[in-house]
Amino acid sequence: MLFLVAALLLLGVLLGTVAHAPLGLSAALGLVIAVWLGVFALRERHGRRRGTSAH
């Protein structure tokens, strides 16, 4: 999952509108997204261990 974030950030720096933003800002936003995805993954894993269902 974190590999995808890094790959998309790199792609954005090379090809997208992220190229117009400072490198520090792009890296900070990539880090925020990576942390958010990590927290989401941990919450999902913890929820499934407890046996809760979304249905």
Protein backbone atom coordinates (compact mmCIF):
# COMPACT_ATOMS: atom_id res chain seq x y z
CA MET A 1 0.00 0.00 0.00
CA LEU A 2 2.78 2.41 0.89
CA PHE A 3 4.53 1.44 -2.33
CA LEU A 4 1.47 2.65 -4.24
CA VAL A 5 1.54 5.99 -2.42
CA ALA A 6 5.22 6.42 -3.25
CA ALA A 7 4.66 5.44 -6.88
CA LEU A 8 1.74 7.85 -7.27
CA LEU A 9 3.70 10.66 -5.64
CA LEU A 10 6.63 10.03 -7.97
CA LEU A 11 4.30 9.94 -10.96
CA GLY A 12 2.69 13.17 -9.81
CA VAL A 13 6.06 14.87 -9.42
CA LEU A 14 7.13 13.80 -12.88
CA LEU A 15 3.90 14.26 -14.83
CA GLY A 16 1.19 15.98 -12.87
CA THR A 17 0.31 19.23 -11.25
CA VAL A 18 2.41 18.30 -8.22
CA ALA A 19 5.40 19.35 -10.32
CA HIS A 20 4.32 22.96 -9.83
CA ALA A 21 4.30 22.68 -6.03
CA PRO A 22 7.47 22.81 -3.96
CA LEU A 23 9.11 19.40 -3.38
CA GLY A 24 8.80 19.78 0.41
CA LEU A 25 5.05 20.32 0.15
CA SER A 26 4.62 17.31 -2.14
CA ALA A 27 6.63 15.11 0.21
CA ALA A 28 4.65 16.33 3.24
CA LEU A 29 1.33 15.64 1.55
CA GLY A 30 2.55 12.20 0.47
CA LEU A 31 3.51 11.48 4.07
CA VAL A 32 0.09 12.60 5.32
CA ILE A 33 -1.62 10.30 2.83
CA ALA A 34 0.65 7.39 3.80
CA VAL A 35 -0.09 7.89 7.51
CA TRP A 36 -3.84 8.14 6.82
CA LEU A 37 -3.77 4.89 4.83
CA GLY A 38 -1.75 3.20 7.58
CA VAL A 39 -4.24 4.26 10.25
CA PHE A 40 -7.11 3.09 8.07
CA ALA A 41 -5.45 -0.31 7.54
CA LEU A 42 -4.85 -0.73 11.28
CA ARG A 43 -8.45 0.17 12.10
CA GLU A 44 -9.73 -2.29 9.51
CA ARG A 45 -7.49 -5.07 10.80
CA HIS A 46 -8.45 -4.35 14.42
CA GLY A 47 -12.16 -4.29 13.52
CA ARG A 48 -12.01 -7.63 11.76
CA ARG A 49 -10.27 -9.28 14.70
CA ARG A 50 -13.09 -8.21 17.00
CA GLY A 51 -15.60 -9.82 14.69
CA THR A 52 -17.58 -6.69 13.86
CA SER A 53 -19.44 -6.67 10.60
CA ALA A 54 -20.30 -3.74 8.38
CA HIS A 55 -23.41 -5.48 7.06
